[in-house]
Amino acid sequence: MSYTALARKWRPKKFSELVGQEHVRRALVNALGSGRVHHAFLFTGTRGVGKTTIARIFAKCLNCEAGVSAEPDGTCAACREIDAGRFPDLIEVDAASRTKVDDTRELLDNVQYAPTRGRYKVYLIDEVHMLSTHSFNALLKTLEEPPPHVKFLLATTDPQKLPVTVLSRCLQFNLKRLPVSEIAAHLRAILEAEKIGFEPAGVKLVAQAADGSMRDGLSLLDQLIAFGGGKAGEAEARAMLGTISRDHVVRILDLLAAADAAGLLRCAQGLEEFSPDYAQVLDELAGLLVRVGFRQAVQDYEGDELYEPQLLERLAQALSPEDVQLYYQTAIIGRRDLPLAPDPRSGFEMTLLRMLAFRPASQPVTATAGGGEARAAAVRAAGAASQRPSPPTPAASAPPPRAPAAPAAPAAVGPAGDPAAWSQILGQIELGGAARQLASHCAFLGRQGNVVRLALDPQYQVVRSPAQEEKLAQALSRHYGETVRLEFQAAGGSAETPAQAQRRAEEARLARARQAFETDPGVQGLRDRFGATVLPDTVRPLK
């Protein structure tokens, strides 16, 4: 019983059958159509993207008995023999096994002779970067000025290893890695033509595992059909590829949304029975977060074969955009650091805990199993509220500006230069980052109408910028309930900023701690009995 692998059976035989690589196909078709065919071509790219296939199609176009054209008839003797690999004027050389200069010279000795059957003698040298330096030197002169009946087609996965002298003599085409969508569409077309049952999610997993290589995708599809007993299902694909069910990934994201640390650890422990590749689990989690982020940014995003729109919509409402970005970044960094962990499972569990640890302080983490459905529902409701902005209202019905939370808040300013009152205001407004640094290094000088006067510490002029001033002005406007603008003046000698007040308080605490340590009876006893010496810089106050 004879069986032909899918990668061989469905190998393109014409340019019109190629998947992707439109930039290469277009250049070669135009060259053949105009008759301006160069004598040396170099095809570069990773494995399985079509380098050798394109070279064979090109050789067929040059030697088709119907004439040189971009569409060989495929039925003449030359086309059939090239497809079968027995055309005498297509010399295929594996440079990886013929690296010696003697092999190259023997090959080039026959260049001068006319073709036996075809119109051109075509030399297809695969993995040409494996040739030795002496072999390249022997090839250079022939490559630069070959006889008119000779064409050179070179293919390599590592063009950086080729001498510049060789590159300058060839037309170079860089073949790109194929997108997952194109690989999946081609695999589905093959399965339909072969009348083999499949599930779109299973085909999508195979296309992702192909990593941009169509040949790898077809080989994996062959393996999946054998593994699945004549069908290509999602469960079989996950079992063959060693990936876990997507339900587990969705469960992890639900627990992250609920901030349930105990549930996350139990879920991670439950994955151990599947012996998963934790790097792939983090890849799956990052891929789901990408889709959730797309759903939040584009309301009509429909997802793909792996995740339904309804699921993405639910997760988009349960998570804030900030959390999605944080979890995604943590997942890809955790995947990168996984080889450095004591073991893959602990590295995976620590990555999940890091996602919760870095959440904003307003979203507490549940350390016990009590996270439950109530907290999950609350988080989803909060996410939905943040994701669904209220529709704009006409100017006539616009609500009045929000008043301060406490009626006495504006009165809490106190006298000009009062650092305690200014610190109290900074504790009430929503401000962070460089804008808070700017405010903490300013002293409050007073307020006249809608003008707030501040004195900036001269040592911290670097933190002042128009963007940070605007953020501080907006925060104060929300605090006072009306629009205010800032006016910066030179700092007075008696004006103390909150940062200076905090430093003064910390220095006072440190002085009291050192004094208490010096007068401690136990320390005095150690000094008297053993001649101990106190290092003042090592004394710190208790938190």
Protein backbone atom coordinates (compact mmCIF):
# COMPACT_ATOMS: atom_id res chain seq x y z
CA MET A 1 0.00 0.00 0.00
CA SER A 2 1.50 3.31 -1.13
CA TYR A 3 0.76 6.64 0.57
CA THR A 4 2.06 10.06 -0.46
CA ALA A 5 2.55 12.59 2.35
CA LEU A 6 0.36 15.67 2.14
CA ALA A 7 3.42 17.93 1.92
CA ARG A 8 4.46 16.14 -1.29
CA LYS A 9 1.01 15.50 -2.74
CA TRP A 10 -0.12 19.12 -2.38
CA ARG A 11 3.14 20.78 -3.36
CA PRO A 12 2.32 23.70 -5.70
CA LYS A 13 3.12 23.03 -9.35
CA LYS A 14 2.29 26.51 -10.67
CA PHE A 15 2.73 30.05 -9.43
CA SER A 16 -1.05 30.37 -9.23
CA GLU A 17 -1.12 27.56 -6.64
CA LEU A 18 1.34 29.25 -4.30
CA VAL A 19 0.09 30.33 -0.85
CA GLY A 20 1.51 33.71 0.12
CA GLN A 21 4.86 35.10 -1.11
CA GLU A 22 3.05 37.45 -3.47
CA HIS A 23 6.08 39.77 -3.72
CA VAL A 24 8.26 36.93 -5.08
CA ARG A 25 5.58 35.52 -7.38
CA ARG A 26 4.88 38.92 -8.91
CA ALA A 27 8.56 39.66 -9.66
CA LEU A 28 9.19 36.27 -11.27
CA VAL A 29 5.98 36.33 -13.31
CA ASN A 30 6.80 39.80 -14.66
CA ALA A 31 10.37 38.75 -15.49
CA LEU A 32 9.15 35.70 -17.40
CA GLY A 33 6.47 37.71 -19.19
CA SER A 34 8.91 40.40 -20.34
CA GLY A 35 11.76 38.04 -21.17
CA ARG A 36 14.14 39.84 -18.76
CA VAL A 37 15.25 36.77 -16.81
CA HIS A 38 18.40 37.17 -14.73
CA HIS A 39 20.97 34.37 -14.72
CA ALA A 40 21.21 33.95 -10.89
CA PHE A 41 18.50 34.06 -8.23
CA LEU A 42 18.86 33.69 -4.46
CA PHE A 43 15.83 32.64 -2.40
CA THR A 44 16.14 33.11 1.38
CA GLY A 45 13.81 32.37 4.25
CA THR A 46 13.12 29.96 7.09
CA ARG A 47 12.30 26.31 6.54
CA GLY A 48 9.14 25.29 4.73
CA VAL A 49 8.16 28.65 3.23
CA GLY A 50 8.58 27.62 -0.43
CA LYS A 51 12.18 28.29 -1.52
CA THR A 52 12.75 25.00 -3.33
CA THR A 53 9.16 24.86 -4.58
CA ILE A 54 9.43 28.29 -6.21
CA ALA A 55 12.76 27.31 -7.74
CA ARG A 56 11.27 24.15 -9.29
CA ILE A 57 8.27 26.04 -10.67
CA PHE A 58 10.67 28.62 -12.14
CA ALA A 59 12.70 25.85 -13.78
CA LYS A 60 9.48 24.40 -15.19
CA CYS A 61 8.53 27.81 -16.62
CA LEU A 62 11.91 28.08 -18.36
CA ASN A 63 11.86 24.57 -19.88
CA CYS A 64 8.18 23.99 -20.66
CA GLU A 65 7.82 22.66 -24.20
CA ALA A 66 4.99 25.14 -24.80
CA GLY A 67 7.47 28.02 -24.42
CA VAL A 68 8.87 30.27 -21.71
CA SER A 69 5.94 31.67 -19.76
CA ALA A 70 4.70 32.22 -16.22
CA GLU A 71 2.12 29.42 -16.62
CA PRO A 72 3.65 26.10 -17.74
CA ASP A 73 1.14 23.65 -19.17
CA GLY A 74 2.11 20.95 -16.67
CA THR A 75 1.36 18.19 -19.19
CA CYS A 76 4.42 18.14 -21.44
CA ALA A 77 7.27 15.72 -20.84
CA ALA A 78 9.56 18.39 -19.38
CA CYS A 79 6.95 19.53 -16.82
CA ARG A 80 6.13 15.97 -15.79
CA GLU A 81 9.79 15.00 -15.43
CA ILE A 82 10.56 18.11 -13.35
CA ASP A 83 7.62 17.28 -11.06
CA ALA A 84 8.92 13.73 -10.74
CA GLY A 85 12.49 14.92 -10.06
CA ARG A 86 14.13 13.20 -13.02
CA PHE A 87 14.61 15.99 -15.57
CA PRO A 88 18.25 15.77 -16.76
CA ASP A 89 18.71 19.53 -17.17
CA LEU A 90 17.53 20.39 -13.64
CA ILE A 91 20.56 19.66 -11.47
CA GLU A 92 19.62 19.78 -7.80
CA VAL A 93 22.58 19.97 -5.43
CA ASP A 94 22.49 19.64 -1.66
CA ALA A 95 25.31 21.94 -0.61
CA ALA A 96 25.23 20.55 2.92
CA SER A 97 26.58 17.21 1.67
CA ARG A 98 28.83 18.57 -1.09
CA THR A 99 30.89 21.24 0.65
CA LYS A 100 34.32 20.40 -0.76
CA VAL A 101 35.87 22.46 -3.52
CA ASP A 102 36.45 19.32 -5.62
CA ASP A 103 32.67 18.67 -5.64
CA THR A 104 32.03 22.24 -6.83
CA ARG A 105 34.64 22.02 -9.58
CA GLU A 106 33.22 18.73 -10.79
CA LEU A 107 29.80 20.34 -10.91
CA LEU A 108 31.02 23.38 -12.82
CA ASP A 109 32.96 21.35 -15.38
CA ASN A 110 29.65 20.50 -17.09
CA VAL A 111 28.33 24.09 -17.18
CA GLN A 112 29.81 24.74 -20.60
CA TYR A 113 27.86 21.89 -22.24
CA ALA A 114 24.46 22.57 -23.79
CA PRO A 115 21.26 21.23 -22.19
CA THR A 116 20.36 17.64 -22.98
CA ARG A 117 16.58 17.98 -23.27
CA GLY A 118 15.47 21.37 -22.14
CA ARG A 119 15.90 24.97 -23.18
CA TYR A 120 18.05 25.88 -20.17
CA LYS A 121 20.33 23.98 -17.83
CA VAL A 122 19.18 24.97 -14.34
CA TYR A 123 21.39 24.49 -11.27
CA LEU A 124 19.35 24.43 -8.04
CA ILE A 125 21.78 24.62 -5.08
CA ASP A 126 19.98 24.15 -1.76
CA GLU A 127 21.46 25.38 1.55
CA VAL A 128 24.14 27.17 -0.43
CA HIS A 129 25.55 28.79 2.73
CA MET A 130 27.07 25.40 3.65
CA LEU A 131 29.65 25.62 0.85
CA SER A 132 33.23 26.17 1.93
CA THR A 133 35.16 29.35 1.19
CA HIS A 134 37.13 27.64 -1.58
CA SER A 135 33.89 26.32 -3.11
CA PHE A 136 32.47 29.87 -3.21
CA ASN A 137 35.66 31.10 -4.87
CA ALA A 138 35.34 28.37 -7.50
CA LEU A 139 31.71 29.32 -8.09
CA LEU A 140 32.17 33.08 -8.35
CA LYS A 141 33.46 33.43 -11.92
CA THR A 142 30.85 31.06 -13.37
CA LEU A 143 28.13 32.73 -11.31
CA GLU A 144 29.06 36.13 -12.67
CA GLU A 145 29.37 35.20 -16.37
CA PRO A 146 27.61 31.90 -17.03
CA PRO A 147 26.86 30.61 -20.54
CA PRO A 148 23.54 31.86 -21.96
CA HIS A 149 21.92 28.45 -21.53
CA VAL A 150 22.58 28.25 -17.74
CA LYS A 151 20.52 29.61 -14.84
CA PHE A 152 21.52 29.41 -11.17
CA LEU A 153 18.84 29.14 -8.46
CA LEU A 154 20.31 29.32 -4.94
CA ALA A 155 18.35 28.68 -1.75
CA THR A 156 19.43 29.22 1.85
CA THR A 157 18.03 29.64 5.36
CA ASP A 158 21.03 31.72 6.49
CA PRO A 159 21.98 34.40 3.94
CA GLN A 160 24.28 36.14 6.44
CA LYS A 161 26.85 33.38 5.89
CA LEU A 162 27.08 34.03 2.16
CA PRO A 163 30.01 36.13 0.92
CA VAL A 164 29.12 39.61 -0.28
CA THR A 165 30.66 38.74 -3.62
CA VAL A 166 28.01 36.03 -4.12
CA LEU A 167 25.14 38.25 -2.95
CA SER A 168 26.13 40.99 -5.38
CA ARG A 169 25.84 38.58 -8.33
CA CYS A 170 22.29 37.39 -7.57
CA LEU A 171 18.79 38.77 -7.49
CA GLN A 172 17.78 38.19 -3.87
CA PHE A 173 14.22 37.35 -2.76
CA ASN A 174 13.42 37.03 0.92
CA LEU A 175 10.48 34.68 1.50
CA LYS A 176 8.37 35.59 4.52
CA ARG A 177 6.95 33.36 7.22
CA LEU A 178 3.34 32.57 6.39
CA PRO A 179 0.57 34.00 8.60
CA VAL A 180 -1.47 31.59 10.71
CA SER A 181 -4.65 32.53 8.85
CA GLU A 182 -3.19 31.59 5.43
CA ILE A 183 -1.83 28.28 6.72
CA ALA A 184 -5.15 27.42 8.38
CA ALA A 185 -7.15 28.30 5.24
CA HIS A 186 -4.89 26.11 3.07
CA LEU A 187 -5.11 23.21 5.52
CA ARG A 188 -8.92 23.44 5.56
CA ALA A 189 -8.99 23.41 1.74
CA ILE A 190 -6.82 20.29 1.67
CA LEU A 191 -8.97 18.51 4.27
CA GLU A 192 -12.11 19.32 2.31
CA ALA A 193 -10.52 18.06 -0.91
CA GLU A 194 -9.35 14.88 0.84
CA LYS A 195 -12.84 14.48 2.39
CA ILE A 196 -11.41 14.25 5.92
CA GLY A 197 -13.49 15.43 8.87
CA PHE A 198 -12.04 18.28 10.91
CA GLU A 199 -12.82 20.92 13.53
CA PRO A 200 -11.77 24.51 12.76
CA ALA A 201 -10.21 24.90 16.21
CA GLY A 202 -8.04 21.82 15.65
CA VAL A 203 -6.83 23.14 12.30
CA LYS A 204 -6.09 26.52 13.91
CA LEU A 205 -3.94 24.84 16.57
CA VAL A 206 -1.96 23.01 13.90
CA ALA A 207 -1.47 26.24 11.94
CA GLN A 208 -0.18 27.97 15.07
CA ALA A 209 2.19 25.11 15.82
CA ALA A 210 3.56 25.30 12.25
CA ASP A 211 5.26 28.59 13.21
CA GLY A 212 5.03 30.14 9.75
CA SER A 213 6.11 27.04 7.82
CA MET A 214 3.59 25.51 5.40
CA ARG A 215 5.58 22.28 5.15
CA ASP A 216 5.60 21.92 8.95
CA GLY A 217 1.87 22.57 8.97
CA LEU A 218 1.21 19.81 6.42
CA SER A 219 3.47 17.39 8.28
CA LEU A 220 1.67 18.12 11.55
CA LEU A 221 -1.67 17.71 9.78
CA ASP A 222 -0.56 14.29 8.54
CA GLN A 223 0.41 13.39 12.08
CA LEU A 224 -2.91 14.66 13.46
CA ILE A 225 -4.93 12.62 10.97
CA ALA A 226 -3.04 9.49 12.00
CA PHE A 227 -3.33 10.36 15.71
CA GLY A 228 -7.04 11.11 15.43
CA GLY A 229 -7.91 7.99 13.51
CA GLY A 230 -8.76 9.71 10.25
CA LYS A 231 -10.04 13.08 11.51
CA ALA A 232 -8.57 16.38 12.69
CA GLY A 233 -10.36 17.35 15.92
CA GLU A 234 -9.49 19.94 18.53
CA ALA A 235 -9.12 17.47 21.41
CA GLU A 236 -6.82 15.27 19.32
CA ALA A 237 -4.76 18.29 18.26
CA ARG A 238 -4.29 19.42 21.86
CA ALA A 239 -3.34 15.91 22.97
CA MET A 240 -0.87 15.53 20.10
CA LEU A 241 0.70 18.98 20.57
CA GLY A 242 0.79 18.67 24.35
CA THR A 243 -1.39 21.72 24.97
CA ILE A 244 -4.09 21.88 27.62
CA SER A 245 -7.78 22.43 26.97
CA ARG A 246 -8.77 26.04 26.45
CA ASP A 247 -11.28 25.64 29.30
CA HIS A 248 -8.35 25.61 31.73
CA VAL A 249 -6.99 28.87 30.28
CA VAL A 250 -10.43 30.50 30.53
CA ARG A 251 -10.68 29.27 34.12
CA ILE A 252 -7.33 30.89 34.96
CA LEU A 253 -8.49 34.21 33.52
CA ASP A 254 -11.78 34.00 35.45
CA LEU A 255 -9.84 33.47 38.69
CA LEU A 256 -7.58 36.41 37.85
CA ALA A 257 -10.65 38.57 37.31
CA ALA A 258 -11.98 37.44 40.71
CA ALA A 259 -8.56 38.03 42.34
CA ASP A 260 -8.79 34.55 43.87
CA ALA A 261 -5.20 33.59 44.68
CA ALA A 262 -6.14 30.33 46.41
CA GLY A 263 -8.24 29.27 43.42
CA LEU A 264 -5.36 30.06 41.06
CA LEU A 265 -2.98 27.83 43.01
CA ARG A 266 -5.52 25.01 43.06
CA CYS A 267 -6.02 25.39 39.30
CA ALA A 268 -2.25 25.31 38.72
CA GLN A 269 -1.98 22.17 40.85
CA GLY A 270 -4.80 20.58 38.85
CA LEU A 271 -2.84 21.12 35.61
CA GLU A 272 -0.04 18.91 36.93
CA GLU A 273 -1.97 15.75 36.04
CA PHE A 274 -1.83 16.71 32.34
CA SER A 275 1.98 17.16 32.44
CA PRO A 276 1.67 20.37 30.42
CA ASP A 277 4.36 22.49 28.88
CA TYR A 278 3.99 25.55 31.10
CA ALA A 279 5.55 27.79 28.47
CA GLN A 280 2.73 26.81 26.10
CA VAL A 281 0.17 27.44 28.86
CA LEU A 282 1.50 30.98 29.26
CA ASP A 283 1.41 31.34 25.45
CA GLU A 284 -2.26 30.27 25.46
CA LEU A 285 -3.02 32.72 28.29
CA ALA A 286 -1.26 35.57 26.50
CA GLY A 287 -3.12 34.71 23.27
CA LEU A 288 -6.47 34.85 25.05
CA LEU A 289 -5.55 38.19 26.65
CA VAL A 290 -4.71 39.55 23.19
CA ARG A 291 -8.19 38.61 21.98
CA VAL A 292 -9.82 40.12 25.08
CA GLY A 293 -7.86 43.33 24.51
CA PHE A 294 -9.03 43.43 20.88
CA ARG A 295 -12.62 42.93 22.05
CA GLN A 296 -12.32 45.85 24.47
CA ALA A 297 -10.80 48.14 21.85
CA VAL A 298 -13.00 47.06 18.90
CA GLN A 299 -16.60 46.29 19.80
CA ASP A 300 -17.32 44.37 16.58
CA TYR A 301 -14.28 42.07 16.97
CA GLU A 302 -15.63 38.55 16.41
CA GLY A 303 -12.72 36.47 17.69
CA ASP A 304 -11.65 33.32 15.84
CA GLU A 305 -12.08 29.56 15.80
CA LEU A 306 -10.61 29.11 19.29
CA TYR A 307 -12.69 31.55 21.33
CA GLU A 308 -16.31 32.52 20.75
CA PRO A 309 -17.43 36.18 20.72
CA GLN A 310 -19.69 35.59 23.73
CA LEU A 311 -16.75 34.36 25.83
CA LEU A 312 -14.58 37.30 24.79
CA GLU A 313 -17.40 39.72 25.60
CA ARG A 314 -17.81 38.24 29.10
CA LEU A 315 -14.08 38.44 29.82
CA ALA A 316 -13.87 41.95 28.37
CA GLN A 317 -16.51 43.05 30.88
CA ALA A 318 -14.88 41.19 33.79
CA LEU A 319 -11.42 42.73 33.26
CA SER A 320 -10.37 46.34 32.99
CA PRO A 321 -8.11 47.31 30.05
CA GLU A 322 -5.32 48.08 32.50
CA ASP A 323 -5.51 44.59 33.99
CA VAL A 324 -5.49 43.00 30.53
CA GLN A 325 -2.31 44.84 29.62
CA LEU A 326 -0.71 44.02 32.98
CA TYR A 327 -1.56 40.31 32.74
CA TYR A 328 -0.32 40.09 29.14
CA GLN A 329 3.00 41.74 29.96
CA THR A 330 3.45 39.56 33.04
CA ALA A 331 2.65 36.40 31.05
CA ILE A 332 5.21 37.02 28.31
CA ILE A 333 7.89 38.07 30.82
CA GLY A 334 7.11 35.01 32.95
CA ARG A 335 7.46 32.80 29.86
CA ARG A 336 10.85 34.32 29.13
CA ASP A 337 12.01 33.76 32.73
CA LEU A 338 10.59 30.25 33.00
CA PRO A 339 13.95 28.49 32.35
CA LEU A 340 15.42 30.42 35.30
CA ALA A 341 12.82 29.16 37.79
CA PRO A 342 13.64 26.29 40.20
CA ASP A 343 11.17 24.18 38.21
CA PRO A 344 8.61 25.02 35.49
CA ARG A 345 5.58 24.58 37.74
CA SER A 346 6.82 26.93 40.45
CA GLY A 347 7.79 29.49 37.79
CA PHE A 348 4.28 29.24 36.33
CA GLU A 349 2.61 29.59 39.74
CA MET A 350 4.78 32.58 40.64
CA THR A 351 3.85 34.25 37.34
CA LEU A 352 0.15 33.92 38.22
CA LEU A 353 0.75 35.32 41.72
CA ARG A 354 2.77 38.18 40.23
CA MET A 355 -0.23 39.14 38.12
CA LEU A 356 -2.28 39.60 41.29
CA ALA A 357 0.52 41.22 43.30
CA PHE A 358 0.97 44.01 40.73
CA ARG A 359 -2.72 44.88 40.51
CA PRO A 360 -3.74 48.38 41.64
CA ALA A 361 -4.23 48.71 45.40
CA SER A 362 -7.93 49.44 44.91
CA GLN A 363 -8.43 45.82 43.76
CA PRO A 364 -7.52 43.65 46.76
CA VAL A 365 -6.39 40.05 46.31
CA THR A 366 -8.38 37.27 47.93
CA ALA A 367 -5.97 35.09 49.87
CA THR A 368 -8.53 32.47 50.85
CA ALA A 369 -11.03 30.37 49.00
CA GLY A 370 -13.70 32.93 49.80
CA GLY A 371 -13.03 34.74 46.52
CA GLY A 372 -15.96 32.82 45.01
CA GLU A 373 -18.64 33.89 42.66
CA ALA A 374 -19.68 36.98 44.60
CA ARG A 375 -16.30 38.63 44.16
CA ALA A 376 -16.12 37.49 40.54
CA ALA A 377 -19.53 39.04 39.89
CA ALA A 378 -18.45 42.26 41.57
CA VAL A 379 -15.28 42.47 39.51
CA ARG A 380 -17.19 41.73 36.31
CA ALA A 381 -19.72 44.42 37.15
CA ALA A 382 -16.95 46.92 37.81
CA GLY A 383 -15.25 45.97 34.55
CA ALA A 384 -18.50 46.34 32.65
CA ALA A 385 -19.08 49.77 34.16
CA SER A 386 -15.60 50.91 33.18
CA GLN A 387 -15.91 49.46 29.69
CA ARG A 388 -19.29 50.97 28.82
CA PRO A 389 -18.98 54.76 28.84
CA SER A 390 -22.23 56.65 29.07
CA PRO A 391 -23.46 58.17 25.81
CA PRO A 392 -22.75 61.86 25.32
CA THR A 393 -25.54 64.21 26.42
CA PRO A 394 -26.50 67.56 24.91
CA ALA A 395 -24.86 70.61 26.40
CA ALA A 396 -28.19 71.84 27.80
CA SER A 397 -28.64 68.73 29.91
CA ALA A 398 -25.00 68.37 31.01
CA PRO A 399 -24.72 67.71 34.74
CA PRO A 400 -23.05 70.34 36.93
CA PRO A 401 -19.41 69.82 37.92
CA ARG A 402 -18.87 67.29 40.68
CA ALA A 403 -18.66 68.91 44.07
CA PRO A 404 -15.90 68.02 46.52
CA ALA A 405 -16.49 64.91 48.63
CA ALA A 406 -16.42 66.93 51.86
CA PRO A 407 -17.95 70.44 51.98
CA ALA A 408 -15.14 71.62 54.19
CA ALA A 409 -12.40 70.43 51.84
CA PRO A 410 -11.64 73.86 50.30
CA ALA A 411 -11.58 75.36 53.78
CA ALA A 412 -9.00 72.79 54.85
CA VAL A 413 -6.32 74.68 52.95
CA GLY A 414 -5.33 76.62 56.02
CA PRO A 415 -2.93 79.54 55.98
CA ALA A 416 -0.53 80.04 53.16
CA GLY A 417 2.51 77.82 53.43
CA ASP A 418 0.82 75.35 55.81
CA PRO A 419 2.40 72.00 54.76
CA ALA A 420 -0.07 69.94 56.80
CA ALA A 421 -3.09 71.41 54.98
CA TRP A 422 -1.44 71.03 51.56
CA SER A 423 -0.48 67.43 52.42
CA GLN A 424 -4.13 66.80 53.39
CA ILE A 425 -5.26 68.02 49.97
CA LEU A 426 -2.71 65.79 48.23
CA GLY A 427 -4.06 62.84 50.18
CA GLN A 428 -7.60 63.53 48.92
CA ILE A 429 -6.99 64.08 45.20
CA GLU A 430 -6.39 61.34 42.62
CA LEU A 431 -2.87 61.94 41.39
CA GLY A 432 0.10 59.72 40.67
CA GLY A 433 3.47 59.47 38.99
CA ALA A 434 5.45 62.57 38.09
CA ALA A 435 2.46 64.84 38.70
CA ARG A 436 2.34 63.79 42.40
CA GLN A 437 6.09 64.31 42.64
CA LEU A 438 5.59 67.84 41.33
CA ALA A 439 2.86 68.53 43.89
CA SER A 440 4.83 67.08 46.82
CA HIS A 441 7.78 69.40 46.08
CA CYS A 442 5.54 72.50 46.03
CA ALA A 443 4.49 74.70 48.93
CA PHE A 444 0.96 76.13 48.98
CA LEU A 445 1.10 79.95 48.93
CA GLY A 446 -2.60 80.70 48.67
CA ARG A 447 -5.66 80.75 46.45
CA GLN A 448 -7.31 83.79 44.91
CA GLY A 449 -10.48 83.00 43.01
CA ASN A 450 -9.60 80.31 40.49
CA VAL A 451 -5.84 80.86 40.77
CA VAL A 452 -3.82 78.52 42.99
CA ARG A 453 -0.35 79.87 43.80
CA LEU A 454 2.43 77.35 44.45
CA ALA A 455 6.14 77.60 45.21
CA LEU A 456 8.30 74.87 43.70
CA ASP A 457 11.47 73.72 45.43
CA PRO A 458 14.30 74.97 43.12
CA GLN A 459 16.10 71.63 43.42
CA TYR A 460 13.19 69.84 41.71
CA GLN A 461 12.56 72.09 38.71
CA VAL A 462 13.24 69.05 36.51
CA VAL A 463 9.89 67.45 37.45
CA ARG A 464 7.94 70.46 36.18
CA SER A 465 6.56 70.15 32.67
CA PRO A 466 3.39 71.38 30.91
CA ALA A 467 1.91 67.86 30.95
CA GLN A 468 2.42 67.41 34.70
CA GLU A 469 1.11 70.93 35.44
CA GLU A 470 -2.02 70.11 33.43
CA LYS A 471 -2.58 66.85 35.40
CA LEU A 472 -2.15 68.67 38.73
CA ALA A 473 -4.52 71.47 37.65
CA GLN A 474 -7.19 68.95 36.60
CA ALA A 475 -6.91 67.09 39.91
CA LEU A 476 -7.27 70.33 41.91
CA SER A 477 -10.21 71.38 39.72
CA ARG A 478 -12.01 68.14 40.61
CA HIS A 479 -11.16 68.72 44.28
CA TYR A 480 -12.50 72.29 44.41
CA GLY A 481 -15.43 71.63 42.11
CA GLU A 482 -14.45 74.40 39.71
CA THR A 483 -11.77 75.01 37.11
CA VAL A 484 -8.56 76.36 38.58
CA ARG A 485 -5.24 77.27 37.08
CA LEU A 486 -1.81 77.12 38.63
CA GLU A 487 0.62 79.96 39.18
CA PHE A 488 4.16 79.06 40.19
CA GLN A 489 6.28 81.58 42.11
CA ALA A 490 9.74 81.63 43.60
CA ALA A 491 9.94 79.57 46.79
CA GLY A 492 10.08 81.65 49.95
CA GLY A 493 12.49 80.96 52.77
CA SER A 494 9.73 79.91 55.21
CA ALA A 495 7.70 77.82 52.74
CA GLU A 496 8.01 74.10 53.42
CA THR A 497 6.90 71.51 50.92
CA PRO A 498 5.22 68.21 51.93
CA ALA A 499 8.33 66.35 50.78
CA GLN A 500 10.52 68.49 53.03
CA ALA A 501 8.11 68.04 55.91
CA GLN A 502 8.18 64.27 55.41
CA ARG A 503 11.99 64.24 55.34
CA ARG A 504 12.10 66.36 58.52
CA ALA A 505 9.70 63.97 60.25
CA GLU A 506 11.73 60.93 59.16
CA GLU A 507 14.96 62.52 60.39
CA ALA A 508 13.32 63.26 63.75
CA ARG A 509 12.12 59.65 64.04
CA LEU A 510 15.60 58.40 63.18
CA ALA A 511 17.17 60.68 65.80
CA ARG A 512 14.72 59.44 68.43
CA ALA A 513 15.43 55.82 67.45
CA ARG A 514 19.19 56.32 67.76
CA GLN A 515 18.76 58.09 71.10
CA ALA A 516 16.56 55.24 72.40
CA PHE A 517 19.09 52.67 71.18
CA GLU A 518 22.00 54.50 72.80
CA THR A 519 20.23 54.68 76.17
CA ASP A 520 18.93 51.09 76.08
CA PRO A 521 20.18 49.20 79.19
CA GLY A 522 21.06 46.13 77.14
CA VAL A 523 23.24 48.18 74.80
CA GLN A 524 24.90 49.88 77.78
CA GLY A 525 25.65 46.47 79.29
CA LEU A 526 27.26 45.22 76.05
CA ARG A 527 29.41 48.33 75.93
CA ASP A 528 30.55 48.01 79.53
CA ARG A 529 31.25 44.25 79.46
CA PHE A 530 32.53 43.66 75.92
CA GLY A 531 33.54 47.10 74.70
CA ALA A 532 30.89 46.99 71.97
CA THR A 533 30.63 49.88 69.51
CA VAL A 534 27.37 51.18 68.06
CA LEU A 535 27.28 51.93 64.32
CA PRO A 536 24.76 54.80 64.06
CA ASP A 537 24.14 54.27 60.33
CA THR A 538 22.78 50.78 60.99
CA VAL A 539 20.03 51.99 63.37
CA ARG A 540 16.58 52.29 61.79
CA PRO A 541 13.26 53.21 63.40
CA LEU A 542 10.56 50.59 63.63
CA LYS A 543 7.82 50.91 61.01
